[in-house]
Structures are given as C-alpha cells and as structure tokens.
Amino acid sequence: MSESILTEEKQKRQKIILKNEANIQVDTIDLSMFRSNETYKFLISNICESYKLSYEISETALSKIWGEKTSRINRAGTFFRIGDEFSRSVDLNGVIYTGTSYYLLSQTKISDLPFIKIEETFFLSTSNSLKWNIYKIQFTKITRDSAKYAKYHHVQLLEKPPELIPLWPPSIQKNQ
C-alpha cells in the first residue's frame, strides 16, 4: 500500500483481524510495524480451510482497497510451488508438472500411489483438532489416474516442458 494510506491507517491505529470460516479470530495484524510498498510474511496459529479479513476500524481507505479478501485451502488439499524463501500456492486450476517437486498441504494421508514419489512428510501441529500433513511430492508420470488425482486437487498436470538451450555461437554445418 502507498505511504499516504499506510500513514493514515497508522494514525487511526488500524488493525487487521484474520478470521476463520466460523468467524472466529485467528490472528491480529498491527500496522504500526509495517512500511509501505513491502511484502510481509507472518506465522498464523491455526490452519483453517478459509480465512477472511476484517478491520478494527471499518470504512477506511484500506478496507475499501482490500475488502474482506478470502483465502481458501481446498478440502482435498492445496499444492504449493517450492521457492528459496517462501512457497506460493498453485492457484485454482493452476498447472503442475511431472518431475517437479511441490508441497501438498492436506488433511488426507497420501498412501503409495504409483504415479507419485513422496520425498518428505511433515506433520503440521495446530491448536485445533484437524490433523494437517505437508508432503513434498513429485508426479512421476501422467496417467488417467494421476490426471484425475490432480484434477481432484484443482490443478492441471502436464509434462515438464523440455529445457531450451540456445545455440551460441551458431552451429556451422556444411560450411554454412
């Protein structure tokens, strides 16, 4: 957000309240520690199927810009691309590739599936009764079952595109 909007929100002592699907407060974000035009990450205490934003002071510039955005984790589970600093979810109907590692956040245990290689498994501890697991997985091949499994998780499975290697200097063939 811009410097002027952030300054205005800080003067009002605005706080963003993160609520779960049952409208119960999960966390509070105090804007006093933020700077404009930067991205921040913060840990949340609960993994819920969905979240929405509300504001301590309603009808401000920030609430008009962001509204009550909702983030959702699909019941079937959500795929995340693996990054150096943080992982980003694969958007609804996003694309995943064979031979590439992804995190899958899921309440369902993944058994040995012939088209998935499980690299690592982590248990995610939460304060609620839901049991979440994080799997680092890789699709090994495209079959009818693997495509169906990906579609169930709201993503599309494709073959990993071949790496393009530019030829430079240009290749010389038959003196040309």
N, C-alpha and C. Protein backbone atom coordinates (compact mmCIF):
# COMPACT_ATOMS: atom_id res chain seq x y z
N MET A 1 0.84 -1.17 0.00
CA MET A 1 0.00 0.00 0.00
C MET A 1 0.88 1.23 0.00
N SER A 2 0.34 2.34 -0.45
CA SER A 2 1.13 3.56 -0.58
C SER A 2 1.46 4.14 0.79
N GLU A 3 2.46 5.01 0.80
CA GLU A 3 2.91 5.67 2.04
C GLU A 3 1.79 6.49 2.68
N SER A 4 1.04 7.20 1.85
CA SER A 4 -0.02 8.06 2.40
C SER A 4 -1.14 7.24 3.06
N ILE A 5 -1.54 6.14 2.42
CA ILE A 5 -2.59 5.30 3.00
C ILE A 5 -2.09 4.64 4.28
N LEU A 6 -0.85 4.14 4.26
CA LEU A 6 -0.30 3.50 5.45
C LEU A 6 -0.19 4.49 6.61
N THR A 7 0.27 5.70 6.34
CA THR A 7 0.38 6.72 7.39
C THR A 7 -1.00 7.03 7.98
N GLU A 8 -1.98 7.16 7.12
CA GLU A 8 -3.36 7.43 7.57
C GLU A 8 -3.88 6.27 8.44
N GLU A 9 -3.63 5.05 8.02
CA GLU A 9 -4.09 3.88 8.78
C GLU A 9 -3.35 3.77 10.12
N LYS A 10 -2.05 4.09 10.13
CA LYS A 10 -1.28 4.06 11.38
C LYS A 10 -1.79 5.11 12.36
N GLN A 11 -2.14 6.29 11.86
CA GLN A 11 -2.66 7.35 12.73
C GLN A 11 -3.98 6.94 13.37
N LYS A 12 -4.76 6.17 12.65
CA LYS A 12 -6.04 5.67 13.18
C LYS A 12 -5.85 4.44 14.07
N ARG A 13 -4.60 3.92 14.12
CA ARG A 13 -4.25 2.70 14.85
C ARG A 13 -5.06 1.50 14.36
N GLN A 14 -5.11 1.42 13.05
CA GLN A 14 -5.85 0.34 12.40
C GLN A 14 -5.18 -1.00 12.64
N LYS A 15 -6.00 -2.01 12.86
CA LYS A 15 -5.53 -3.39 12.99
C LYS A 15 -6.36 -4.24 12.04
N ILE A 16 -5.68 -5.20 11.40
CA ILE A 16 -6.36 -6.13 10.51
C ILE A 16 -6.59 -7.41 11.30
N ILE A 17 -7.80 -7.90 11.27
CA ILE A 17 -8.14 -9.09 12.03
C ILE A 17 -8.38 -10.23 11.05
N LEU A 18 -7.66 -11.32 11.27
CA LEU A 18 -7.78 -12.51 10.42
C LEU A 18 -8.75 -13.46 11.12
N LYS A 19 -9.83 -13.82 10.40
CA LYS A 19 -10.85 -14.71 10.98
C LYS A 19 -10.96 -15.97 10.15
N ASN A 20 -11.38 -17.07 10.80
CA ASN A 20 -11.56 -18.33 10.08
C ASN A 20 -12.98 -18.43 9.54
N GLU A 21 -13.30 -19.60 8.94
CA GLU A 21 -14.61 -19.77 8.32
C GLU A 21 -15.77 -19.71 9.32
N ALA A 22 -15.49 -19.95 10.61
CA ALA A 22 -16.53 -19.87 11.64
C ALA A 22 -16.60 -18.46 12.22
N ASN A 23 -15.91 -17.51 11.60
CA ASN A 23 -15.87 -16.11 12.01
C ASN A 23 -15.19 -15.92 13.37
N ILE A 24 -14.29 -16.83 13.73
CA ILE A 24 -13.54 -16.75 14.97
C ILE A 24 -12.18 -16.14 14.66
N GLN A 25 -11.76 -15.20 15.50
CA GLN A 25 -10.49 -14.52 15.28
C GLN A 25 -9.31 -15.48 15.43
N VAL A 26 -8.46 -15.51 14.41
CA VAL A 26 -7.28 -16.37 14.41
C VAL A 26 -6.04 -15.56 14.76
N ASP A 27 -5.95 -14.35 14.24
CA ASP A 27 -4.78 -13.52 14.48
C ASP A 27 -5.11 -12.06 14.24
N THR A 28 -4.24 -11.18 14.75
CA THR A 28 -4.38 -9.74 14.55
C THR A 28 -3.08 -9.20 13.99
N ILE A 29 -3.19 -8.32 13.01
CA ILE A 29 -2.02 -7.71 12.39
C ILE A 29 -2.05 -6.23 12.72
N ASP A 30 -1.03 -5.77 13.45
CA ASP A 30 -0.92 -4.36 13.82
C ASP A 30 -0.09 -3.66 12.74
N LEU A 31 -0.66 -2.65 12.11
CA LEU A 31 0.02 -1.97 11.00
C LEU A 31 1.18 -1.08 11.44
N SER A 32 1.33 -0.82 12.73
CA SER A 32 2.38 0.10 13.18
C SER A 32 3.78 -0.38 12.85
N MET A 33 3.97 -1.68 12.66
CA MET A 33 5.32 -2.19 12.39
C MET A 33 5.63 -2.36 10.90
N PHE A 34 4.75 -1.92 10.03
CA PHE A 34 4.94 -2.12 8.59
C PHE A 34 5.39 -0.85 7.89
N ARG A 35 6.06 -1.04 6.74
CA ARG A 35 6.45 0.06 5.87
C ARG A 35 5.70 -0.09 4.56
N SER A 36 5.54 1.01 3.86
CA SER A 36 4.77 0.98 2.62
C SER A 36 5.50 0.22 1.51
N ASN A 37 4.70 -0.30 0.58
CA ASN A 37 5.18 -0.98 -0.63
C ASN A 37 6.17 -2.11 -0.35
N GLU A 38 5.96 -2.85 0.73
CA GLU A 38 6.78 -4.02 1.03
C GLU A 38 5.87 -5.20 1.29
N THR A 39 6.42 -6.40 1.08
CA THR A 39 5.66 -7.63 1.33
C THR A 39 6.12 -8.21 2.65
N TYR A 40 5.17 -8.61 3.47
CA TYR A 40 5.48 -9.19 4.77
C TYR A 40 4.88 -10.58 4.89
N LYS A 41 5.57 -11.43 5.64
CA LYS A 41 5.06 -12.76 5.96
C LYS A 41 4.88 -12.81 7.47
N PHE A 42 3.90 -13.57 7.93
CA PHE A 42 3.77 -13.79 9.36
C PHE A 42 3.18 -15.17 9.61
N LEU A 43 3.54 -15.72 10.74
CA LEU A 43 3.06 -17.05 11.09
C LEU A 43 1.66 -16.95 11.66
N ILE A 44 0.81 -17.89 11.30
CA ILE A 44 -0.52 -17.93 11.89
C ILE A 44 -0.60 -19.13 12.83
N SER A 45 -1.45 -19.01 13.81
CA SER A 45 -1.50 -20.03 14.85
C SER A 45 -2.36 -21.23 14.45
N ASN A 46 -3.24 -21.08 13.49
CA ASN A 46 -4.13 -22.17 13.08
C ASN A 46 -4.17 -22.31 11.58
N ILE A 47 -4.25 -23.55 11.10
CA ILE A 47 -4.53 -23.80 9.70
C ILE A 47 -6.03 -24.04 9.60
N CYS A 48 -6.70 -23.22 8.84
CA CYS A 48 -8.15 -23.33 8.66
C CYS A 48 -8.43 -23.50 7.18
N GLU A 49 -9.63 -23.93 6.85
CA GLU A 49 -9.96 -24.12 5.44
C GLU A 49 -10.09 -22.80 4.70
N SER A 50 -10.48 -21.74 5.41
CA SER A 50 -10.53 -20.43 4.76
C SER A 50 -10.34 -19.33 5.79
N TYR A 51 -9.94 -18.18 5.30
CA TYR A 51 -9.70 -17.01 6.14
C TYR A 51 -10.35 -15.80 5.49
N LYS A 52 -10.71 -14.84 6.30
CA LYS A 52 -11.18 -13.57 5.74
C LYS A 52 -10.62 -12.44 6.58
N LEU A 53 -10.53 -11.29 5.95
CA LEU A 53 -10.01 -10.11 6.63
C LEU A 53 -11.16 -9.28 7.18
N SER A 54 -10.97 -8.75 8.38
CA SER A 54 -11.87 -7.73 8.89
C SER A 54 -10.98 -6.67 9.54
N TYR A 55 -11.57 -5.56 9.90
CA TYR A 55 -10.78 -4.43 10.35
C TYR A 55 -11.32 -3.92 11.67
N GLU A 56 -10.40 -3.48 12.54
CA GLU A 56 -10.83 -2.93 13.82
C GLU A 56 -11.63 -1.65 13.60
N ILE A 57 -11.18 -0.85 12.65
CA ILE A 57 -11.91 0.37 12.27
C ILE A 57 -12.42 0.16 10.85
N SER A 58 -13.72 0.09 10.69
CA SER A 58 -14.27 -0.19 9.36
C SER A 58 -14.38 1.09 8.53
N GLU A 59 -14.62 0.91 7.25
CA GLU A 59 -14.80 2.01 6.29
C GLU A 59 -13.61 2.96 6.24
N THR A 60 -12.41 2.40 6.16
CA THR A 60 -11.22 3.24 5.96
C THR A 60 -10.71 2.97 4.53
N ALA A 61 -9.69 3.71 4.13
CA ALA A 61 -9.14 3.54 2.78
C ALA A 61 -8.65 2.10 2.57
N LEU A 62 -8.03 1.54 3.59
CA LEU A 62 -7.51 0.18 3.48
C LEU A 62 -8.64 -0.84 3.31
N SER A 63 -9.69 -0.72 4.06
CA SER A 63 -10.81 -1.67 3.94
C SER A 63 -11.50 -1.54 2.58
N LYS A 64 -11.46 -0.34 2.00
CA LYS A 64 -12.04 -0.16 0.67
C LYS A 64 -11.15 -0.79 -0.41
N ILE A 65 -9.82 -0.74 -0.21
CA ILE A 65 -8.89 -1.31 -1.19
C ILE A 65 -8.90 -2.84 -1.11
N TRP A 66 -8.74 -3.39 0.09
CA TRP A 66 -8.60 -4.84 0.25
C TRP A 66 -9.93 -5.56 0.44
N GLY A 67 -10.91 -4.89 1.00
CA GLY A 67 -12.19 -5.55 1.27
C GLY A 67 -12.03 -6.69 2.25
N GLU A 68 -12.88 -7.67 2.14
CA GLU A 68 -12.78 -8.85 3.02
C GLU A 68 -12.26 -10.03 2.22
N LYS A 69 -11.03 -9.89 1.72
CA LYS A 69 -10.44 -10.94 0.89
C LYS A 69 -10.47 -12.27 1.62
N THR A 70 -10.75 -13.31 0.88
CA THR A 70 -10.79 -14.65 1.46
C THR A 70 -9.75 -15.52 0.79
N SER A 71 -8.97 -16.19 1.61
CA SER A 71 -8.03 -17.19 1.11
C SER A 71 -8.58 -18.54 1.51
N ARG A 72 -8.43 -19.52 0.65
CA ARG A 72 -9.03 -20.83 0.92
C ARG A 72 -8.02 -21.94 0.66
N ILE A 73 -8.06 -22.93 1.54
CA ILE A 73 -7.33 -24.16 1.34
C ILE A 73 -8.37 -25.20 0.99
N ASN A 74 -8.26 -25.82 -0.16
CA ASN A 74 -9.25 -26.80 -0.59
C ASN A 74 -9.30 -27.98 0.38
N ARG A 75 -10.47 -28.52 0.58
CA ARG A 75 -10.62 -29.68 1.46
C ARG A 75 -9.73 -30.83 1.01
N ALA A 76 -9.58 -30.99 -0.29
CA ALA A 76 -8.76 -32.07 -0.82
C ALA A 76 -7.28 -31.83 -0.55
N GLY A 77 -6.90 -30.59 -0.36
CA GLY A 77 -5.50 -30.21 -0.16
C GLY A 77 -5.11 -29.14 -1.15
N THR A 78 -4.00 -28.48 -0.90
CA THR A 78 -3.54 -27.39 -1.76
C THR A 78 -2.07 -27.60 -2.09
N PHE A 79 -1.73 -27.43 -3.37
CA PHE A 79 -0.34 -27.54 -3.82
C PHE A 79 0.36 -26.20 -3.66
N PHE A 80 1.65 -26.26 -3.33
CA PHE A 80 2.49 -25.08 -3.23
C PHE A 80 3.75 -25.28 -4.03
N ARG A 81 4.12 -24.25 -4.82
CA ARG A 81 5.42 -24.27 -5.50
C ARG A 81 6.49 -24.06 -4.44
N ILE A 82 7.62 -24.68 -4.61
CA ILE A 82 8.69 -24.57 -3.64
C ILE A 82 9.63 -23.46 -4.08
N GLY A 83 9.83 -22.47 -3.23
CA GLY A 83 10.72 -21.36 -3.54
C GLY A 83 11.89 -21.31 -2.57
N ASP A 84 12.86 -20.46 -2.84
CA ASP A 84 14.03 -20.32 -1.97
C ASP A 84 13.67 -19.71 -0.63
N GLU A 85 12.82 -18.69 -0.64
CA GLU A 85 12.49 -18.01 0.60
C GLU A 85 11.11 -18.37 1.13
N PHE A 86 10.15 -18.59 0.26
CA PHE A 86 8.82 -19.00 0.71
C PHE A 86 8.11 -19.72 -0.42
N SER A 87 7.08 -20.46 -0.04
CA SER A 87 6.31 -21.23 -1.02
C SER A 87 5.03 -20.50 -1.36
N ARG A 88 4.62 -20.58 -2.61
CA ARG A 88 3.40 -19.90 -3.06
C ARG A 88 2.42 -20.96 -3.56
N SER A 89 1.15 -20.79 -3.20
CA SER A 89 0.17 -21.80 -3.60
C SER A 89 -0.03 -21.78 -5.11
N VAL A 90 -0.31 -22.95 -5.65
CA VAL A 90 -0.65 -23.06 -7.06
C VAL A 90 -2.12 -22.68 -7.16
N ASP A 91 -2.39 -21.63 -7.88
CA ASP A 91 -3.75 -21.09 -7.94
C ASP A 91 -4.75 -22.12 -8.41
N LEU A 92 -5.99 -21.85 -8.10
CA LEU A 92 -7.07 -22.72 -8.52
C LEU A 92 -6.97 -22.93 -10.03
N ASN A 93 -7.00 -24.18 -10.45
CA ASN A 93 -6.83 -24.59 -11.84
C ASN A 93 -5.47 -24.20 -12.40
N GLY A 94 -4.48 -24.10 -11.52
CA GLY A 94 -3.11 -23.83 -11.94
C GLY A 94 -2.49 -25.07 -12.56
N VAL A 95 -1.25 -24.94 -13.00
CA VAL A 95 -0.57 -26.03 -13.71
C VAL A 95 0.57 -26.54 -12.84
N ILE A 96 0.68 -27.87 -12.76
CA ILE A 96 1.84 -28.51 -12.13
C ILE A 96 2.44 -29.46 -13.16
N TYR A 97 3.73 -29.76 -12.99
CA TYR A 97 4.45 -30.55 -13.99
C TYR A 97 5.01 -31.83 -13.38
N THR A 98 5.17 -32.83 -14.21
CA THR A 98 5.86 -34.04 -13.79
C THR A 98 7.32 -33.71 -13.58
N GLY A 99 7.98 -34.44 -12.70
CA GLY A 99 9.41 -34.24 -12.47
C GLY A 99 9.75 -32.99 -11.70
N THR A 100 8.78 -32.30 -11.12
CA THR A 100 9.00 -31.09 -10.35
C THR A 100 8.44 -31.31 -8.95
N SER A 101 9.18 -30.90 -7.93
CA SER A 101 8.72 -31.10 -6.55
C SER A 101 7.77 -30.00 -6.12
N TYR A 102 6.73 -30.40 -5.39
CA TYR A 102 5.74 -29.48 -4.84
C TYR A 102 5.45 -29.88 -3.41
N TYR A 103 4.99 -28.93 -2.63
CA TYR A 103 4.44 -29.25 -1.32
C TYR A 103 2.95 -29.44 -1.50
N LEU A 104 2.39 -30.41 -0.79
CA LEU A 104 0.94 -30.61 -0.76
C LEU A 104 0.51 -30.55 0.69
N LEU A 105 -0.29 -29.56 1.03
CA LEU A 105 -0.86 -29.42 2.36
C LEU A 105 -2.20 -30.13 2.34
N SER A 106 -2.37 -31.14 3.19
CA SER A 106 -3.57 -31.96 3.11
C SER A 106 -3.94 -32.53 4.46
N GLN A 107 -5.24 -32.75 4.66
CA GLN A 107 -5.72 -33.45 5.85
C GLN A 107 -5.74 -34.95 5.60
N THR A 108 -5.70 -35.35 4.34
CA THR A 108 -5.78 -36.76 3.98
C THR A 108 -4.39 -37.34 3.85
N LYS A 109 -4.19 -38.52 4.41
CA LYS A 109 -2.89 -39.18 4.27
C LYS A 109 -2.72 -39.65 2.83
N ILE A 110 -1.52 -39.49 2.31
CA ILE A 110 -1.22 -39.96 0.96
C ILE A 110 -0.59 -41.33 1.10
N SER A 111 -1.22 -42.31 0.51
CA SER A 111 -0.63 -43.65 0.51
C SER A 111 0.28 -43.77 -0.70
N ASP A 112 0.87 -44.89 -0.86
CA ASP A 112 1.76 -45.11 -2.00
C ASP A 112 0.93 -45.15 -3.29
N LEU A 113 1.06 -44.13 -4.07
CA LEU A 113 0.39 -44.07 -5.36
C LEU A 113 1.45 -44.30 -6.43
N PRO A 114 1.16 -45.08 -7.46
CA PRO A 114 2.19 -45.43 -8.44
C PRO A 114 2.70 -44.25 -9.26
N PHE A 115 1.98 -43.15 -9.28
CA PHE A 115 2.39 -42.00 -10.09
C PHE A 115 2.97 -40.87 -9.25
N ILE A 116 3.11 -41.08 -7.93
CA ILE A 116 3.65 -40.03 -7.05
C ILE A 116 4.85 -40.57 -6.28
N LYS A 117 5.89 -39.76 -6.25
CA LYS A 117 7.07 -40.07 -5.43
C LYS A 117 7.01 -39.12 -4.23
N ILE A 118 6.91 -39.68 -3.02
CA ILE A 118 6.88 -38.87 -1.79
C ILE A 118 8.33 -38.69 -1.34
N GLU A 119 8.80 -37.43 -1.33
CA GLU A 119 10.17 -37.15 -0.96
C GLU A 119 10.31 -36.94 0.55
N GLU A 120 9.38 -36.21 1.15
CA GLU A 120 9.40 -35.96 2.60
C GLU A 120 7.98 -35.79 3.10
N THR A 121 7.78 -36.07 4.38
CA THR A 121 6.48 -35.88 5.01
C THR A 121 6.69 -35.14 6.32
N PHE A 122 5.86 -34.13 6.55
CA PHE A 122 5.92 -33.35 7.78
C PHE A 122 4.53 -33.31 8.41
N PHE A 123 4.48 -33.39 9.72
CA PHE A 123 3.23 -33.21 10.43
C PHE A 123 3.17 -31.75 10.85
N LEU A 124 2.04 -31.11 10.61
CA LEU A 124 1.86 -29.71 10.96
C LEU A 124 1.07 -29.63 12.25
N SER A 125 1.68 -29.13 13.31
CA SER A 125 0.96 -29.06 14.58
C SER A 125 0.12 -27.79 14.62
N THR A 126 -1.12 -27.96 14.99
CA THR A 126 -2.05 -26.84 15.11
C THR A 126 -2.76 -26.94 16.44
N SER A 127 -3.39 -25.86 16.83
CA SER A 127 -4.09 -25.86 18.12
C SER A 127 -5.52 -26.38 17.99
N ASN A 128 -5.98 -26.64 16.77
CA ASN A 128 -7.32 -27.22 16.63
C ASN A 128 -7.22 -28.72 16.42
N SER A 129 -8.33 -29.37 16.30
CA SER A 129 -8.35 -30.83 16.23
C SER A 129 -8.02 -31.38 14.85
N LEU A 130 -7.98 -30.55 13.82
CA LEU A 130 -7.69 -31.03 12.47
C LEU A 130 -6.23 -31.43 12.36
N LYS A 131 -5.98 -32.53 11.71
CA LYS A 131 -4.61 -33.03 11.50
C LYS A 131 -4.18 -32.69 10.08
N TRP A 132 -3.14 -31.89 9.95
CA TRP A 132 -2.64 -31.50 8.65
C TRP A 132 -1.26 -32.10 8.44
N ASN A 133 -1.00 -32.52 7.22
CA ASN A 133 0.32 -33.02 6.83
C ASN A 133 0.81 -32.22 5.64
N ILE A 134 2.13 -32.06 5.58
CA ILE A 134 2.75 -31.42 4.43
C ILE A 134 3.62 -32.48 3.76
N TYR A 135 3.34 -32.73 2.50
CA TYR A 135 4.09 -33.71 1.74
C TYR A 135 4.90 -32.99 0.68
N LYS A 136 6.16 -33.36 0.57
CA LYS A 136 6.95 -32.89 -0.56
C LYS A 136 6.88 -34.02 -1.57
N ILE A 137 6.19 -33.77 -2.69
CA ILE A 137 5.92 -34.83 -3.64
C ILE A 137 6.33 -34.43 -5.05
N GLN A 138 6.36 -35.43 -5.90
CA GLN A 138 6.68 -35.23 -7.31
C GLN A 138 5.83 -36.23 -8.11
N PHE A 139 5.14 -35.74 -9.13
CA PHE A 139 4.43 -36.64 -10.04
C PHE A 139 5.46 -37.25 -10.97
N THR A 140 5.43 -38.57 -11.11
CA THR A 140 6.43 -39.24 -11.93
C THR A 140 5.97 -39.47 -13.36
N LYS A 141 4.66 -39.61 -13.56
CA LYS A 141 4.15 -39.85 -14.92
C LYS A 141 2.70 -39.40 -15.01
N ILE A 142 2.28 -39.18 -16.24
CA ILE A 142 0.88 -38.81 -16.47
C ILE A 142 0.12 -40.05 -16.90
N THR A 143 -0.87 -40.36 -16.12
CA THR A 143 -1.78 -41.47 -16.43
C THR A 143 -3.19 -40.93 -16.23
N ARG A 144 -4.15 -41.73 -16.55
CA ARG A 144 -5.54 -41.33 -16.31
C ARG A 144 -5.75 -41.07 -14.81
N ASP A 145 -5.18 -41.95 -13.96
CA ASP A 145 -5.33 -41.80 -12.51
C ASP A 145 -4.61 -40.56 -11.97
N SER A 146 -3.40 -40.29 -12.48
CA SER A 146 -2.66 -39.12 -11.99
C SER A 146 -3.34 -37.82 -12.42
N ALA A 147 -3.87 -37.79 -13.63
CA ALA A 147 -4.60 -36.60 -14.09
C ALA A 147 -5.87 -36.40 -13.27
N LYS A 148 -6.53 -37.48 -12.94
CA LYS A 148 -7.75 -37.43 -12.12
C LYS A 148 -7.41 -36.94 -10.71
N TYR A 149 -6.30 -37.44 -10.16
CA TYR A 149 -5.84 -37.03 -8.83
C TYR A 149 -5.53 -35.53 -8.81
N ALA A 150 -4.84 -35.05 -9.84
CA ALA A 150 -4.52 -33.62 -9.94
C ALA A 150 -5.79 -32.79 -10.06
N LYS A 151 -6.72 -33.24 -10.89
CA LYS A 151 -7.98 -32.51 -11.07
C LYS A 151 -8.77 -32.45 -9.77
N TYR A 152 -8.74 -33.52 -8.98
CA TYR A 152 -9.40 -33.55 -7.67
C TYR A 152 -8.82 -32.48 -6.75
N HIS A 153 -7.54 -32.16 -6.93
CA HIS A 153 -6.87 -31.12 -6.13
C HIS A 153 -6.90 -29.76 -6.82
N HIS A 154 -7.72 -29.64 -7.86
CA HIS A 154 -7.95 -28.37 -8.57
C HIS A 154 -6.72 -27.82 -9.28
N VAL A 155 -5.88 -28.72 -9.81
CA VAL A 155 -4.74 -28.32 -10.62
C VAL A 155 -4.72 -29.18 -11.88
N GLN A 156 -3.96 -28.74 -12.86
CA GLN A 156 -3.83 -29.47 -14.12
C GLN A 156 -2.41 -30.02 -14.21
N LEU A 157 -2.28 -31.30 -14.48
CA LEU A 157 -0.99 -31.96 -14.58
C LEU A 157 -0.52 -32.03 -16.03
N LEU A 158 0.69 -31.53 -16.28
CA LEU A 158 1.27 -31.54 -17.62
C LEU A 158 2.68 -32.11 -17.57
N GLU A 159 3.17 -32.56 -18.72
CA GLU A 159 4.57 -32.99 -18.83
C GLU A 159 5.46 -31.78 -18.66
N LYS A 160 6.58 -31.97 -18.00
CA LYS A 160 7.53 -30.87 -17.84
C LYS A 160 8.07 -30.51 -19.22
N PRO A 161 7.99 -29.22 -19.60
CA PRO A 161 8.49 -28.85 -20.94
C PRO A 161 10.00 -29.04 -21.01
N PRO A 162 10.50 -29.40 -22.19
CA PRO A 162 11.96 -29.59 -22.33
C PRO A 162 12.67 -28.26 -22.16
N GLU A 163 13.86 -28.34 -21.59
CA GLU A 163 14.65 -27.13 -21.39
C GLU A 163 15.21 -26.67 -22.73
N LEU A 164 15.01 -25.41 -23.04
CA LEU A 164 15.52 -24.86 -24.30
C LEU A 164 16.95 -24.39 -24.08
N ILE A 165 17.84 -24.89 -24.93
CA ILE A 165 19.24 -24.50 -24.83
C ILE A 165 19.60 -23.73 -26.09
N PRO A 166 19.84 -22.43 -25.95
CA PRO A 166 20.17 -21.65 -27.14
C PRO A 166 21.55 -22.04 -27.68
N LEU A 167 21.66 -22.06 -28.98
CA LEU A 167 22.93 -22.38 -29.61
C LEU A 167 23.67 -21.08 -29.92
N TRP A 168 24.75 -20.85 -29.22
CA TRP A 168 25.55 -19.69 -29.49
C TRP A 168 26.98 -20.02 -29.18
N PRO A 169 27.91 -19.88 -30.02
CA PRO A 169 27.74 -19.32 -31.34
C PRO A 169 26.91 -20.25 -32.22
N PRO A 170 26.39 -19.71 -33.32
CA PRO A 170 25.54 -20.52 -34.19
C PRO A 170 26.27 -21.77 -34.68
N SER A 171 25.52 -22.79 -34.87
CA SER A 171 26.07 -24.06 -35.36
C SER A 171 26.47 -23.93 -36.83
N ILE A 172 27.62 -24.46 -37.17
CA ILE A 172 28.08 -24.41 -38.58
C ILE A 172 27.96 -25.80 -39.17
N GLN A 173 27.22 -25.91 -40.25
CA GLN A 173 27.03 -27.19 -40.92
C GLN A 173 27.30 -27.01 -42.41
N LYS A 174 28.10 -27.89 -42.98
CA LYS A 174 28.41 -27.88 -44.41
C LYS A 174 28.87 -26.50 -44.87
N ASN A 175 29.80 -25.91 -44.12
CA ASN A 175 30.38 -24.60 -44.42
C ASN A 175 29.36 -23.47 -44.49
N GLN A 176 28.24 -23.64 -43.86
CA GLN A 176 27.24 -22.57 -43.84
C GLN A 176 26.99 -22.12 -42.41
